[in-house]
Each structure stands twice: as C-alpha cells, then as structure tokens.
Amino acid sequence: MDYTSRRSQGGLFEGLYRVIMRRNSIYVTFIIAGAFAGERAVDYGVRKIWEYNNVGKRYEDIPVLGQRQSEE
C-alpha cells in the first residue's frame, strides 16, 4: 500500500478534523454539547448507583414517614 493512496482515503482522525475541528465555532459547540451530555450521563449513573446501594434506607422507603396523615 502506497503512502499517497492511503493518505487520500483519510482516516478517522482526519474525518473528525474535517467535520468538527475545522471551524472554531463548530468545535466549541461540540465541546460544550459533549460536556453537557457527559455531565447528564454521569449524574444519572451516580444517582442510580446511590439508589441501588441505599434501598430501604431512604425517606421514601419508610412507610410511616413517606405518607401524609389523612385529615378526618
């Protein structure tokens, strides 16, 4: 395989450069959107792990405290 033919095909990083990193406005938008999506994913995962480890210990799991008294 010749270097010039391989070079013309491009690779993953060259494709990412052409699509995302060529213009600064698109690159900054991609970084901000990625940070927001990553934060949401980490928050969701940590919350699920915390709830799994604390089943039965939360305020909502205690039947007497989790319900309101009826006014009769």
PDB file of N, CA and C in Angstrom:
ATOM      1  N   MET A   1       0.852  -1.184   0.000  1.00  0.00           N
ATOM      2  CA  MET A   1       0.000   0.000   0.000  1.00  0.00           C
ATOM      3  C   MET A   1       0.890   1.236   0.000  1.00  0.00           C
ATOM      4  N   ASP A   2       0.674   2.060  -0.916  1.00  0.00           N
ATOM      5  CA  ASP A   2       1.461   3.275  -1.080  1.00  0.00           C
ATOM      6  C   ASP A   2       0.968   4.338  -0.099  1.00  0.00           C
ATOM      7  N   TYR A   3       1.863   5.158   0.374  1.00  0.00           N
ATOM      8  CA  TYR A   3       1.518   6.197   1.340  1.00  0.00           C
ATOM      9  C   TYR A   3       0.525   7.199   0.767  1.00  0.00           C
ATOM     10  N   THR A   4       0.693   7.565  -0.496  1.00  0.00           N
ATOM     11  CA  THR A   4      -0.200   8.563  -1.104  1.00  0.00           C
ATOM     12  C   THR A   4      -1.606   8.030  -1.265  1.00  0.00           C
ATOM     13  N   SER A   5      -1.765   6.753  -1.606  1.00  0.00           N
ATOM     14  CA  SER A   5      -3.118   6.201  -1.742  1.00  0.00           C
ATOM     15  C   SER A   5      -3.776   6.072  -0.375  1.00  0.00           C
ATOM     16  N   ARG A   6      -3.014   5.689   0.620  1.00  0.00           N
ATOM     17  CA  ARG A   6      -3.566   5.593   1.968  1.00  0.00           C
ATOM     18  C   ARG A   6      -3.908   6.983   2.502  1.00  0.00           C
ATOM     19  N   ARG A   7      -3.110   7.935   2.150  1.00  0.00           N
ATOM     20  CA  ARG A   7      -3.327   9.304   2.615  1.00  0.00           C
ATOM     21  C   ARG A   7      -4.603   9.894   2.008  1.00  0.00           C
ATOM     22  N   SER A   8      -4.904   9.564   0.775  1.00  0.00           N
ATOM     23  CA  SER A   8      -6.080  10.129   0.129  1.00  0.00           C
ATOM     24  C   SER A   8      -7.371   9.538   0.679  1.00  0.00           C
ATOM     25  N   GLN A   9      -7.319   8.319   1.211  1.00  0.00           N
ATOM     26  CA  GLN A   9      -8.511   7.709   1.785  1.00  0.00           C
ATOM     27  C   GLN A   9      -8.914   8.407   3.078  1.00  0.00           C
ATOM     28  N   GLY A  10      -7.974   8.869   3.813  1.00  0.00           N
ATOM     29  CA  GLY A  10      -8.252   9.529   5.072  1.00  0.00           C
ATOM     30  C   GLY A  10      -8.486   8.505   6.168  1.00  0.00           C
ATOM     31  N   GLY A  11      -8.507   8.984   7.356  1.00  0.00           N
ATOM     32  CA  GLY A  11      -8.732   8.109   8.485  1.00  0.00           C
ATOM     33  C   GLY A  11      -9.776   8.688   9.403  1.00  0.00           C
ATOM     34  N   LEU A  12      -9.917   8.067  10.510  1.00  0.00           N
ATOM     35  CA  LEU A  12     -10.903   8.516  11.489  1.00  0.00           C
ATOM     36  C   LEU A  12     -10.587   9.922  11.985  1.00  0.00           C
ATOM     37  N   PHE A  13      -9.344  10.160  12.324  1.00  0.00           N
ATOM     38  CA  PHE A  13      -8.979  11.470  12.852  1.00  0.00           C
ATOM     39  C   PHE A  13      -9.069  12.571  11.797  1.00  0.00           C
ATOM     40  N   GLU A  14      -8.745  12.227  10.584  1.00  0.00           N
ATOM     41  CA  GLU A  14      -8.870  13.227   9.515  1.00  0.00           C
ATOM     42  C   GLU A  14     -10.331  13.559   9.253  1.00  0.00           C
ATOM     43  N   GLY A  15     -11.188  12.559   9.317  1.00  0.00           N
ATOM     44  CA  GLY A  15     -12.623  12.798   9.163  1.00  0.00           C
ATOM     45  C   GLY A  15     -13.178  13.648  10.285  1.00  0.00           C
ATOM     46  N   LEU A  16     -12.750  13.366  11.513  1.00  0.00           N
ATOM     47  CA  LEU A  16     -13.189  14.193  12.642  1.00  0.00           C
ATOM     48  C   LEU A  16     -12.697  15.624  12.490  1.00  0.00           C
ATOM     49  N   TYR A  17     -11.480  15.772  12.011  1.00  0.00           N
ATOM     50  CA  TYR A  17     -10.953  17.115  11.808  1.00  0.00           C
ATOM     51  C   TYR A  17     -11.778  17.871  10.775  1.00  0.00           C
ATOM     52  N   ARG A  18     -12.093  17.193   9.665  1.00  0.00           N
ATOM     53  CA  ARG A  18     -12.862  17.853   8.616  1.00  0.00           C
ATOM     54  C   ARG A  18     -14.260  18.219   9.076  1.00  0.00           C
ATOM     55  N   VAL A  19     -14.895  17.380   9.890  1.00  0.00           N
ATOM     56  CA  VAL A  19     -16.279  17.616  10.294  1.00  0.00           C
ATOM     57  C   VAL A  19     -16.376  18.558  11.495  1.00  0.00           C
ATOM     58  N   ILE A  20     -15.545  18.356  12.485  1.00  0.00           N
ATOM     59  CA  ILE A  20     -15.730  19.055  13.763  1.00  0.00           C
ATOM     60  C   ILE A  20     -14.734  20.180  13.992  1.00  0.00           C
ATOM     61  N   MET A  21     -13.473  19.908  13.804  1.00  0.00           N
ATOM     62  CA  MET A  21     -12.449  20.817  14.293  1.00  0.00           C
ATOM     63  C   MET A  21     -11.967  21.839  13.283  1.00  0.00           C
ATOM     64  N   ARG A  22     -12.519  21.853  12.112  1.00  0.00           N
ATOM     65  CA  ARG A  22     -12.022  22.787  11.115  1.00  0.00           C
ATOM     66  C   ARG A  22     -12.448  24.216  11.422  1.00  0.00           C
ATOM     67  N   ARG A  23     -13.672  24.381  11.886  1.00  0.00           N
ATOM     68  CA  ARG A  23     -14.151  25.721  12.237  1.00  0.00           C
ATOM     69  C   ARG A  23     -14.248  25.824  13.750  1.00  0.00           C
ATOM     70  N   ASN A  24     -13.792  26.920  14.303  1.00  0.00           N
ATOM     71  CA  ASN A  24     -13.760  27.094  15.743  1.00  0.00           C
ATOM     72  C   ASN A  24     -15.163  27.105  16.354  1.00  0.00           C
ATOM     73  N   SER A  25     -16.134  27.693  15.682  1.00  0.00           N
ATOM     74  CA  SER A  25     -17.483  27.758  16.243  1.00  0.00           C
ATOM     75  C   SER A  25     -18.101  26.376  16.382  1.00  0.00           C
ATOM     76  N   ILE A  26     -17.874  25.508  15.413  1.00  0.00           N
ATOM     77  CA  ILE A  26     -18.404  24.144  15.493  1.00  0.00           C
ATOM     78  C   ILE A  26     -17.664  23.357  16.567  1.00  0.00           C
ATOM     79  N   TYR A  27     -16.367  23.554  16.671  1.00  0.00           N
ATOM     80  CA  TYR A  27     -15.564  22.858  17.674  1.00  0.00           C
ATOM     81  C   TYR A  27     -16.002  23.247  19.093  1.00  0.00           C
ATOM     82  N   VAL A  28     -16.200  24.512  19.337  1.00  0.00           N
ATOM     83  CA  VAL A  28     -16.621  24.969  20.660  1.00  0.00           C
ATOM     84  C   VAL A  28     -18.020  24.451  20.978  1.00  0.00           C
ATOM     85  N   THR A  29     -18.918  24.472  20.003  1.00  0.00           N
ATOM     86  CA  THR A  29     -20.269  23.936  20.206  1.00  0.00           C
ATOM     87  C   THR A  29     -20.210  22.448  20.516  1.00  0.00           C
ATOM     88  N   PHE A  30     -19.367  21.708  19.819  1.00  0.00           N
ATOM     89  CA  PHE A  30     -19.213  20.280  20.069  1.00  0.00           C
ATOM     90  C   PHE A  30     -18.689  20.018  21.480  1.00  0.00           C
ATOM     91  N   ILE A  31     -17.731  20.801  21.939  1.00  0.00           N
ATOM     92  CA  ILE A  31     -17.167  20.629  23.280  1.00  0.00           C
ATOM     93  C   ILE A  31     -18.222  20.926  24.344  1.00  0.00           C
ATOM     94  N   ILE A  32     -18.969  22.015  24.185  1.00  0.00           N
ATOM     95  CA  ILE A  32     -19.990  22.380  25.169  1.00  0.00           C
ATOM     96  C   ILE A  32     -21.103  21.339  25.201  1.00  0.00           C
ATOM     97  N   ALA A  33     -21.563  20.895  24.035  1.00  0.00           N
ATOM     98  CA  ALA A  33     -22.612  19.870  23.993  1.00  0.00           C
ATOM     99  C   ALA A  33     -22.119  18.549  24.587  1.00  0.00           C
ATOM    100  N   GLY A  34     -20.879  18.197  24.311  1.00  0.00           N
ATOM    101  CA  GLY A  34     -20.310  16.979  24.881  1.00  0.00           C
ATOM    102  C   GLY A  34     -20.165  17.057  26.392  1.00  0.00           C
ATOM    103  N   ALA A  35     -19.782  18.210  26.900  1.00  0.00           N
ATOM    104  CA  ALA A  35     -19.669  18.377  28.348  1.00  0.00           C
ATOM    105  C   ALA A  35     -21.043  18.281  29.001  1.00  0.00           C
ATOM    106  N   PHE A  36     -22.044  18.874  28.382  1.00  0.00           N
ATOM    107  CA  PHE A  36     -23.402  18.805  28.933  1.00  0.00           C
ATOM    108  C   PHE A  36     -23.927  17.372  28.925  1.00  0.00           C
ATOM    109  N   ALA A  37     -23.753  16.673  27.814  1.00  0.00           N
ATOM    110  CA  ALA A  37     -24.224  15.290  27.726  1.00  0.00           C
ATOM    111  C   ALA A  37     -23.452  14.384  28.683  1.00  0.00           C
ATOM    112  N   GLY A  38     -22.157  14.598  28.804  1.00  0.00           N
ATOM    113  CA  GLY A  38     -21.349  13.803  29.732  1.00  0.00           C
ATOM    114  C   GLY A  38     -21.750  14.038  31.177  1.00  0.00           C
ATOM    115  N   GLU A  39     -22.033  15.278  31.515  1.00  0.00           N
ATOM    116  CA  GLU A  39     -22.467  15.595  32.880  1.00  0.00           C
ATOM    117  C   GLU A  39     -23.786  14.923  33.197  1.00  0.00           C
ATOM    118  N   ARG A  40     -24.714  14.942  32.250  1.00  0.00           N
ATOM    119  CA  ARG A  40     -26.020  14.303  32.458  1.00  0.00           C
ATOM    120  C   ARG A  40     -25.861  12.793  32.621  1.00  0.00           C
ATOM    121  N   ALA A  41     -25.000  12.177  31.825  1.00  0.00           N
ATOM    122  CA  ALA A  41     -24.793  10.734  31.902  1.00  0.00           C
ATOM    123  C   ALA A  41     -24.159  10.332  33.233  1.00  0.00           C
ATOM    124  N   VAL A  42     -23.157  11.080  33.675  1.00  0.00           N
ATOM    125  CA  VAL A  42     -22.511  10.777  34.952  1.00  0.00           C
ATOM    126  C   VAL A  42     -23.488  10.988  36.103  1.00  0.00           C
ATOM    127  N   ASP A  43     -24.271  12.055  36.064  1.00  0.00           N
ATOM    128  CA  ASP A  43     -25.251  12.326  37.111  1.00  0.00           C
ATOM    129  C   ASP A  43     -26.276  11.199  37.196  1.00  0.00           C
ATOM    130  N   TYR A  44     -26.779  10.754  36.056  1.00  0.00           N
ATOM    131  CA  TYR A  44     -27.763   9.671  36.022  1.00  0.00           C
ATOM    132  C   TYR A  44     -27.164   8.373  36.580  1.00  0.00           C
ATOM    133  N   GLY A  45     -25.954   8.044  36.165  1.00  0.00           N
ATOM    134  CA  GLY A  45     -25.309   6.823  36.625  1.00  0.00           C
ATOM    135  C   GLY A  45     -25.028   6.829  38.118  1.00  0.00           C
ATOM    136  N   VAL A  46     -24.512   7.935  38.623  1.00  0.00           N
ATOM    137  CA  VAL A  46     -24.211   8.021  40.059  1.00  0.00           C
ATOM    138  C   VAL A  46     -25.493   7.966  40.877  1.00  0.00           C
ATOM    139  N   ARG A  47     -26.559   8.616  40.409  1.00  0.00           N
ATOM    140  CA  ARG A  47     -27.831   8.573  41.123  1.00  0.00           C
ATOM    141  C   ARG A  47     -28.387   7.148  41.186  1.00  0.00           C
ATOM    142  N   LYS A  48     -28.315   6.418  40.083  1.00  0.00           N
ATOM    143  CA  LYS A  48     -28.813   5.036  40.064  1.00  0.00           C
ATOM    144  C   LYS A  48     -27.994   4.138  40.982  1.00  0.00           C
ATOM    145  N   ILE A  49     -26.683   4.301  40.993  1.00  0.00           N
ATOM    146  CA  ILE A  49     -25.833   3.514  41.894  1.00  0.00           C
ATOM    147  C   ILE A  49     -26.150   3.845  43.339  1.00  0.00           C
ATOM    148  N   TRP A  50     -26.337   5.127  43.661  1.00  0.00           N
ATOM    149  CA  TRP A  50     -26.637   5.532  45.025  1.00  0.00           C
ATOM    150  C   TRP A  50     -27.991   4.965  45.468  1.00  0.00           C
ATOM    151  N   GLU A  51     -28.997   5.031  44.601  1.00  0.00           N
ATOM    152  CA  GLU A  51     -30.307   4.487  44.951  1.00  0.00           C
ATOM    153  C   GLU A  51     -30.244   2.973  45.131  1.00  0.00           C
ATOM    154  N   TYR A  52     -29.484   2.282  44.291  1.00  0.00           N
ATOM    155  CA  TYR A  52     -29.342   0.837  44.414  1.00  0.00           C
ATOM    156  C   TYR A  52     -28.680   0.452  45.736  1.00  0.00           C
ATOM    157  N   ASN A  53     -27.680   1.212  46.156  1.00  0.00           N
ATOM    158  CA  ASN A  53     -26.967   0.899  47.398  1.00  0.00           C
ATOM    159  C   ASN A  53     -27.737   1.305  48.644  1.00  0.00           C
ATOM    160  N   ASN A  54     -28.743   2.166  48.524  1.00  0.00           N
ATOM    161  CA  ASN A  54     -29.455   2.663  49.688  1.00  0.00           C
ATOM    162  C   ASN A  54     -30.936   2.281  49.689  1.00  0.00           C
ATOM    163  N   VAL A  55     -31.302   1.189  49.046  1.00  0.00           N
ATOM    164  CA  VAL A  55     -32.690   0.743  49.047  1.00  0.00           C
ATOM    165  C   VAL A  55     -33.075   0.377  50.478  1.00  0.00           C
ATOM    166  N   GLY A  56     -34.214   0.897  50.927  1.00  0.00           N
ATOM    167  CA  GLY A  56     -34.692   0.646  52.282  1.00  0.00           C
ATOM    168  C   GLY A  56     -34.183   1.642  53.301  1.00  0.00           C
ATOM    169  N   LYS A  57     -33.257   2.483  52.957  1.00  0.00           N
ATOM    170  CA  LYS A  57     -32.687   3.456  53.887  1.00  0.00           C
ATOM    171  C   LYS A  57     -33.136   4.873  53.586  1.00  0.00           C
ATOM    172  N   ARG A  58     -33.830   5.053  52.469  1.00  0.00           N
ATOM    173  CA  ARG A  58     -34.233   6.389  52.065  1.00  0.00           C
ATOM    174  C   ARG A  58     -35.525   6.794  52.754  1.00  0.00           C
ATOM    175  N   TYR A  59     -35.790   8.089  52.778  1.00  0.00           N
ATOM    176  CA  TYR A  59     -37.000   8.626  53.380  1.00  0.00           C
ATOM    177  C   TYR A  59     -38.245   8.076  52.693  1.00  0.00           C
ATOM    178  N   GLU A  60     -38.197   7.939  51.376  1.00  0.00           N
ATOM    179  CA  GLU A  60     -39.347   7.453  50.624  1.00  0.00           C
ATOM    180  C   GLU A  60     -39.650   5.991  50.913  1.00  0.00           C
ATOM    181  N   ASP A  61     -38.674   5.224  51.388  1.00  0.00           N
ATOM    182  CA  ASP A  61     -38.863   3.794  51.637  1.00  0.00           C
ATOM    183  C   ASP A  61     -39.485   3.499  52.996  1.00  0.00           C
ATOM    184  N   ILE A  62     -39.532   4.469  53.883  1.00  0.00           N
ATOM    185  CA  ILE A  62     -40.116   4.261  55.209  1.00  0.00           C
ATOM    186  C   ILE A  62     -41.615   4.508  55.104  1.00  0.00           C
ATOM    187  N   PRO A  63     -42.465   3.486  55.314  1.00  0.00           N
ATOM    188  CA  PRO A  63     -43.894   3.649  55.038  1.00  0.00           C
ATOM    189  C   PRO A  63     -44.586   4.677  55.937  1.00  0.00           C
ATOM    190  N   VAL A  64     -44.199   4.797  57.180  1.00  0.00           N
ATOM    191  CA  VAL A  64     -44.873   5.726  58.084  1.00  0.00           C
ATOM    192  C   VAL A  64     -44.500   7.168  57.760  1.00  0.00           C
ATOM    193  N   LEU A  65     -43.263   7.425  57.432  1.00  0.00           N
ATOM    194  CA  LEU A  65     -42.808   8.788  57.169  1.00  0.00           C
ATOM    195  C   LEU A  65     -43.092   9.234  55.744  1.00  0.00           C
ATOM    196  N   GLY A  66     -43.199   8.313  54.834  1.00  0.00           N
ATOM    197  CA  GLY A  66     -43.381   8.671  53.439  1.00  0.00           C
ATOM    198  C   GLY A  66     -44.813   9.016  53.059  1.00  0.00           C
ATOM    199  N   GLN A  67     -45.754   8.811  53.974  1.00  0.00           N
ATOM    200  CA  GLN A  67     -47.161   9.083  53.679  1.00  0.00           C
ATOM    201  C   GLN A  67     -47.665  10.214  54.558  1.00  0.00           C
ATOM    202  N   ARG A  68     -48.625  10.947  54.063  1.00  0.00           N
ATOM    203  CA  ARG A  68     -49.227  12.022  54.845  1.00  0.00           C
ATOM    204  C   ARG A  68     -50.437  11.479  55.599  1.00  0.00           C
ATOM    205  N   GLN A  69     -50.672  12.051  56.747  1.00  0.00           N
ATOM    206  CA  GLN A  69     -51.832  11.664  57.552  1.00  0.00           C
ATOM    207  C   GLN A  69     -53.099  12.186  56.885  1.00  0.00           C
ATOM    208  N   SER A  70     -54.136  11.379  56.904  1.00  0.00           N
ATOM    209  CA  SER A  70     -55.411  11.850  56.362  1.00  0.00           C
ATOM    210  C   SER A  70     -56.130  12.700  57.415  1.00  0.00           C
ATOM    211  N   GLU A  71     -56.755  13.768  56.974  1.00  0.00           N
ATOM    212  CA  GLU A  71     -57.429  14.677  57.907  1.00  0.00           C
ATOM    213  C   GLU A  71     -58.904  14.325  57.991  1.00  0.00           C
ATOM    214  N   GLU A  72     -59.270  13.474  58.931  1.00  0.00           N
ATOM    215  CA  GLU A  72     -60.673  13.101  59.132  1.00  0.00           C
ATOM    216  C   GLU A  72     -61.093  13.306  60.548  1.00  0.00           C
TER     217      GLU A  72
END
